[in-house]
Amino acid sequence: RGLRTLLLDRRAFPRDKACGDGLAADAMRALERHGLAEEVRRRGHTVEEASVFSPSRLEVRVPARQVNLRRTVLDALLARHARERGTVFCRGEARGFATRPGGGVTVEVVGLDRPLESRAAVVATGCNLRPLDGHGAVERRRPSAIALRCYLRSSATLERSVISFDRS
């Protein structure tokens, strides 16, 4: 659409994260809009159900169509797609941002002498809430949950996602 876009991330891509391996229906719709859903389905593993375990170990099975794909593979795919469409990808850590009186945004980046200026910014901090300080966007400072995941090699098939809310 004629916009110059900068994607700034504090980590090098592709990077591994606990969140992002399970792509729910809304994530797949977003990937569909950008022409990536078919490749994600081809590279990933689609399941139609999830087993959700409560802290007391009660299991509830729910319909939950999702595609599971390693986060490193998804990140590489997303970064390549963005670069092919003209996005400039840089590694850097946003320290904070501010709205400008006449409109637009300034973003302070660790290591830069002056802030970056833009008409708009999408701030996706994950659990790092520091850049949002002073903007009234954060009510809670402590995490309500921690995500962990592991990969196993097995000859068994598991045709559902397993989600466990474990007290330990």
C-alpha atoms as a PDB file:
ATOM      1  CA  ARG A   1       0.000   0.000   0.000  1.00  0.00           C
ATOM      2  CA  GLY A   2       2.984   2.281  -0.421  1.00  0.00           C
ATOM      3  CA  LEU A   3       3.959   2.385   3.242  1.00  0.00           C
ATOM      4  CA  ARG A   4       7.527   1.916   4.411  1.00  0.00           C
ATOM      5  CA  THR A   5       7.547  -0.636   7.210  1.00  0.00           C
ATOM      6  CA  LEU A   6      10.158  -1.412   9.835  1.00  0.00           C
ATOM      7  CA  LEU A   7       9.920  -4.605  11.876  1.00  0.00           C
ATOM      8  CA  LEU A   8      12.017  -4.190  15.007  1.00  0.00           C
ATOM      9  CA  ASP A   9      12.629  -7.174  17.276  1.00  0.00           C
ATOM     10  CA  ARG A  10      14.947  -7.501  20.245  1.00  0.00           C
ATOM     11  CA  ARG A  11      15.833 -11.074  19.251  1.00  0.00           C
ATOM     12  CA  ALA A  12      17.369 -12.477  16.064  1.00  0.00           C
ATOM     13  CA  PHE A  13      14.996 -14.425  13.818  1.00  0.00           C
ATOM     14  CA  PRO A  14      14.057 -17.115  13.773  1.00  0.00           C
ATOM     15  CA  ARG A  15      13.933 -17.385  17.553  1.00  0.00           C
ATOM     16  CA  ASP A  16      12.348 -19.982  19.764  1.00  0.00           C
ATOM     17  CA  LYS A  17       9.480 -19.119  22.072  1.00  0.00           C
ATOM     18  CA  ALA A  18       7.078 -21.252  24.075  1.00  0.00           C
ATOM     19  CA  CYS A  19       4.071 -19.470  22.620  1.00  0.00           C
ATOM     20  CA  GLY A  20       3.180 -19.728  18.981  1.00  0.00           C
ATOM     21  CA  ASP A  21       3.475 -23.424  18.140  1.00  0.00           C
ATOM     22  CA  GLY A  22      -0.307 -23.909  18.259  1.00  0.00           C
ATOM     23  CA  LEU A  23      -2.098 -21.775  15.670  1.00  0.00           C
ATOM     24  CA  ALA A  24      -5.806 -21.460  16.471  1.00  0.00           C
ATOM     25  CA  ALA A  25      -8.534 -20.594  13.967  1.00  0.00           C
ATOM     26  CA  ASP A  26      -8.130 -16.801  14.305  1.00  0.00           C
ATOM     27  CA  ALA A  27      -4.370 -17.039  13.699  1.00  0.00           C
ATOM     28  CA  MET A  28      -4.989 -19.225  10.656  1.00  0.00           C
ATOM     29  CA  ARG A  29      -7.511 -16.662   9.309  1.00  0.00           C
ATOM     30  CA  ALA A  30      -4.847 -13.951   9.636  1.00  0.00           C
ATOM     31  CA  LEU A  31      -2.334 -16.155   7.817  1.00  0.00           C
ATOM     32  CA  GLU A  32      -4.970 -16.831   5.139  1.00  0.00           C
ATOM     33  CA  ARG A  33      -5.364 -13.079   4.516  1.00  0.00           C
ATOM     34  CA  HIS A  34      -1.618 -12.876   3.884  1.00  0.00           C
ATOM     35  CA  GLY A  35      -1.408 -15.952   1.683  1.00  0.00           C
ATOM     36  CA  LEU A  36       0.527 -18.060   4.198  1.00  0.00           C
ATOM     37  CA  ALA A  37      -2.101 -20.486   5.522  1.00  0.00           C
ATOM     38  CA  GLU A  38      -1.528 -23.225   2.928  1.00  0.00           C
ATOM     39  CA  GLU A  39       2.225 -23.293   3.516  1.00  0.00           C
ATOM     40  CA  VAL A  40       1.678 -23.381   7.286  1.00  0.00           C
ATOM     41  CA  ARG A  41      -0.800 -26.273   6.919  1.00  0.00           C
ATOM     42  CA  ARG A  42       1.640 -28.118   4.644  1.00  0.00           C
ATOM     43  CA  ARG A  43       4.559 -27.727   7.068  1.00  0.00           C
ATOM     44  CA  GLY A  44       2.542 -28.198  10.262  1.00  0.00           C
ATOM     45  CA  HIS A  45       0.351 -30.833  11.850  1.00  0.00           C
ATOM     46  CA  THR A  46      -3.404 -30.211  11.991  1.00  0.00           C
ATOM     47  CA  VAL A  47      -5.454 -31.502  14.912  1.00  0.00           C
ATOM     48  CA  GLU A  48      -9.212 -31.300  15.447  1.00  0.00           C
ATOM     49  CA  GLU A  49      -9.407 -31.726  19.211  1.00  0.00           C
ATOM     50  CA  ALA A  50      -7.723 -30.678  22.443  1.00  0.00           C
ATOM     51  CA  SER A  51      -7.485 -32.357  25.819  1.00  0.00           C
ATOM     52  CA  VAL A  52      -7.498 -29.709  28.518  1.00  0.00           C
ATOM     53  CA  PHE A  53      -6.382 -30.809  31.984  1.00  0.00           C
ATOM     54  CA  SER A  54      -7.400 -28.829  35.075  1.00  0.00           C
ATOM     55  CA  PRO A  55      -5.005 -28.292  38.013  1.00  0.00           C
ATOM     56  CA  SER A  56      -6.726 -31.262  39.716  1.00  0.00           C
ATOM     57  CA  ARG A  57      -5.981 -33.382  36.583  1.00  0.00           C
ATOM     58  CA  LEU A  58      -9.574 -33.578  35.294  1.00  0.00           C
ATOM     59  CA  GLU A  59      -9.591 -33.899  31.502  1.00  0.00           C
ATOM     60  CA  VAL A  60     -12.051 -32.162  29.212  1.00  0.00           C
ATOM     61  CA  ARG A  61     -11.919 -32.826  25.477  1.00  0.00           C
ATOM     62  CA  VAL A  62     -13.002 -29.944  23.277  1.00  0.00           C
ATOM     63  CA  PRO A  63     -13.203 -29.413  19.531  1.00  0.00           C
ATOM     64  CA  ALA A  64     -10.210 -27.226  18.727  1.00  0.00           C
ATOM     65  CA  ARG A  65      -9.001 -27.170  15.154  1.00  0.00           C
ATOM     66  CA  GLN A  66      -5.461 -25.881  15.121  1.00  0.00           C
ATOM     67  CA  VAL A  67      -2.238 -26.276  13.221  1.00  0.00           C
ATOM     68  CA  ASN A  68       0.883 -27.039  15.218  1.00  0.00           C
ATOM     69  CA  LEU A  69       4.117 -25.721  13.755  1.00  0.00           C
ATOM     70  CA  ARG A  70       7.428 -25.056  15.492  1.00  0.00           C
ATOM     71  CA  ARG A  71       7.778 -21.382  16.331  1.00  0.00           C
ATOM     72  CA  THR A  72      11.200 -21.175  14.681  1.00  0.00           C
ATOM     73  CA  VAL A  73       9.688 -22.374  11.386  1.00  0.00           C
ATOM     74  CA  LEU A  74       6.725 -19.973  11.667  1.00  0.00           C
ATOM     75  CA  ASP A  75       8.995 -17.007  12.486  1.00  0.00           C
ATOM     76  CA  ALA A  76      11.272 -17.714   9.531  1.00  0.00           C
ATOM     77  CA  LEU A  77       8.222 -17.944   7.255  1.00  0.00           C
ATOM     78  CA  LEU A  78       6.732 -14.673   8.577  1.00  0.00           C
ATOM     79  CA  ALA A  79      10.043 -12.780   8.357  1.00  0.00           C
ATOM     80  CA  ARG A  80      10.681 -13.985   4.782  1.00  0.00           C
ATOM     81  CA  HIS A  81       7.135 -13.044   3.735  1.00  0.00           C
ATOM     82  CA  ALA A  82       7.479  -9.558   5.255  1.00  0.00           C
ATOM     83  CA  ARG A  83      10.896  -8.942   3.632  1.00  0.00           C
ATOM     84  CA  GLU A  84       9.563 -10.063   0.224  1.00  0.00           C
ATOM     85  CA  ARG A  85       6.951  -7.313   0.530  1.00  0.00           C
ATOM     86  CA  GLY A  86       9.469  -4.590   1.355  1.00  0.00           C
ATOM     87  CA  THR A  87       9.578  -4.651   5.132  1.00  0.00           C
ATOM     88  CA  VAL A  88      12.945  -3.716   6.626  1.00  0.00           C
ATOM     89  CA  PHE A  89      13.807  -6.107   9.432  1.00  0.00           C
ATOM     90  CA  CYS A  90      16.151  -4.900  12.187  1.00  0.00           C
ATOM     91  CA  ARG A  91      17.259  -6.251  15.494  1.00  0.00           C
ATOM     92  CA  GLY A  92      16.822  -3.764  18.292  1.00  0.00           C
ATOM     93  CA  GLU A  93      15.084  -3.253  21.608  1.00  0.00           C
ATOM     94  CA  ALA A  94      12.391  -0.624  22.010  1.00  0.00           C
ATOM     95  CA  ARG A  95      12.867   1.120  25.340  1.00  0.00           C
ATOM     96  CA  GLY A  96       9.695   3.185  25.100  1.00  0.00           C
ATOM     97  CA  PHE A  97       7.463   5.194  22.817  1.00  0.00           C
ATOM     98  CA  ALA A  98       5.496   8.429  22.849  1.00  0.00           C
ATOM     99  CA  THR A  99       2.790  10.004  20.739  1.00  0.00           C
ATOM    100  CA  ARG A 100       3.731  13.250  19.009  1.00  0.00           C
ATOM    101  CA  PRO A 101       1.508  16.319  19.512  1.00  0.00           C
ATOM    102  CA  GLY A 102       0.859  16.693  15.757  1.00  0.00           C
ATOM    103  CA  GLY A 103       0.261  12.979  15.304  1.00  0.00           C
ATOM    104  CA  GLY A 104       2.503  10.004  14.913  1.00  0.00           C
ATOM    105  CA  VAL A 105       4.803   8.170  17.251  1.00  0.00           C
ATOM    106  CA  THR A 106       8.411   8.273  18.400  1.00  0.00           C
ATOM    107  CA  VAL A 107      10.107   5.039  19.485  1.00  0.00           C
ATOM    108  CA  GLU A 108      13.204   5.046  21.685  1.00  0.00           C
ATOM    109  CA  VAL A 109      15.540   2.196  20.710  1.00  0.00           C
ATOM    110  CA  VAL A 110      18.402   1.015  22.913  1.00  0.00           C
ATOM    111  CA  GLY A 111      21.700   2.121  21.346  1.00  0.00           C
ATOM    112  CA  LEU A 112      20.267   4.811  19.036  1.00  0.00           C
ATOM    113  CA  ASP A 113      21.077   8.476  19.723  1.00  0.00           C
ATOM    114  CA  ARG A 114      17.654   9.714  18.689  1.00  0.00           C
ATOM    115  CA  PRO A 115      14.204   8.116  18.550  1.00  0.00           C
ATOM    116  CA  LEU A 116      12.666   6.659  15.404  1.00  0.00           C
ATOM    117  CA  GLU A 117       9.673   8.590  14.073  1.00  0.00           C
ATOM    118  CA  SER A 118       6.611   7.081  12.456  1.00  0.00           C
ATOM    119  CA  ARG A 119       3.013   7.857  11.555  1.00  0.00           C
ATOM    120  CA  ALA A 120       1.927   4.697  13.391  1.00  0.00           C
ATOM    121  CA  ALA A 121       3.387   1.873  15.480  1.00  0.00           C
ATOM    122  CA  VAL A 122       2.161  -1.558  16.448  1.00  0.00           C
ATOM    123  CA  VAL A 123       3.615  -2.381  19.848  1.00  0.00           C
ATOM    124  CA  ALA A 124       3.686  -6.146  20.443  1.00  0.00           C
ATOM    125  CA  THR A 125       5.677  -6.640  23.614  1.00  0.00           C
ATOM    126  CA  GLY A 126       4.724 -10.159  24.657  1.00  0.00           C
ATOM    127  CA  CYS A 127       5.491 -10.428  28.361  1.00  0.00           C
ATOM    128  CA  ASN A 128       8.023  -7.542  28.307  1.00  0.00           C
ATOM    129  CA  LEU A 129       5.740  -4.746  29.510  1.00  0.00           C
ATOM    130  CA  ARG A 130       8.457  -2.139  30.100  1.00  0.00           C
ATOM    131  CA  PRO A 131       7.888  -0.265  26.799  1.00  0.00           C
ATOM    132  CA  LEU A 132       4.247   0.263  27.840  1.00  0.00           C
ATOM    133  CA  ASP A 133       5.086   2.012  31.127  1.00  0.00           C
ATOM    134  CA  GLY A 134       3.276   5.303  31.498  1.00  0.00           C
ATOM    135  CA  HIS A 135       0.650   4.623  28.821  1.00  0.00           C
ATOM    136  CA  GLY A 136      -2.107   3.191  31.030  1.00  0.00           C
ATOM    137  CA  ALA A 137      -2.132   0.004  28.963  1.00  0.00           C
ATOM    138  CA  VAL A 138      -1.047  -2.383  31.712  1.00  0.00           C
ATOM    139  CA  GLU A 139      -3.064  -3.218  34.802  1.00  0.00           C
ATOM    140  CA  ARG A 140      -1.113  -6.193  36.120  1.00  0.00           C
ATOM    141  CA  ARG A 141       2.659  -6.488  36.414  1.00  0.00           C
ATOM    142  CA  ARG A 142       2.940 -10.162  37.416  1.00  0.00           C
ATOM    143  CA  PRO A 143       2.302 -12.942  34.916  1.00  0.00           C
ATOM    144  CA  SER A 144      -0.921 -14.910  35.365  1.00  0.00           C
ATOM    145  CA  ALA A 145       0.590 -17.994  33.726  1.00  0.00           C
ATOM    146  CA  ILE A 146       3.812 -19.388  32.365  1.00  0.00           C
ATOM    147  CA  ALA A 147       3.952 -21.289  29.082  1.00  0.00           C
ATOM    148  CA  LEU A 148       6.175 -24.334  28.756  1.00  0.00           C
ATOM    149  CA  ARG A 149       6.383 -26.859  25.970  1.00  0.00           C
ATOM    150  CA  CYS A 150       8.590 -29.687  24.849  1.00  0.00           C
ATOM    151  CA  TYR A 151       9.068 -31.797  21.752  1.00  0.00           C
ATOM    152  CA  LEU A 152       9.084 -35.587  21.883  1.00  0.00           C
ATOM    153  CA  ARG A 153      10.043 -38.190  19.313  1.00  0.00           C
ATOM    154  CA  SER A 154       7.638 -41.087  19.331  1.00  0.00           C
ATOM    155  CA  SER A 155       6.104 -43.665  17.037  1.00  0.00           C
ATOM    156  CA  ALA A 156       2.753 -43.043  18.756  1.00  0.00           C
ATOM    157  CA  THR A 157       0.292 -40.696  17.111  1.00  0.00           C
ATOM    158  CA  LEU A 158      -1.446 -37.966  19.026  1.00  0.00           C
ATOM    159  CA  GLU A 159      -4.296 -36.458  17.082  1.00  0.00           C
ATOM    160  CA  ARG A 160      -5.131 -33.784  19.628  1.00  0.00           C
ATOM    161  CA  SER A 161      -3.413 -30.944  21.428  1.00  0.00           C
ATOM    162  CA  VAL A 162      -2.785 -31.392  25.127  1.00  0.00           C
ATOM    163  CA  ILE A 163      -3.097 -28.354  27.366  1.00  0.00           C
ATOM    164  CA  SER A 164      -2.392 -28.721  31.056  1.00  0.00           C
ATOM    165  CA  PHE A 165      -2.956 -26.207  33.836  1.00  0.00           C
ATOM    166  CA  ASP A 166      -0.592 -27.673  36.390  1.00  0.00           C
ATOM    167  CA  ARG A 167      -0.224 -26.225  39.885  1.00  0.00           C
ATOM    168  CA  SER A 168       3.439 -27.194  40.129  1.00  0.00           C
END
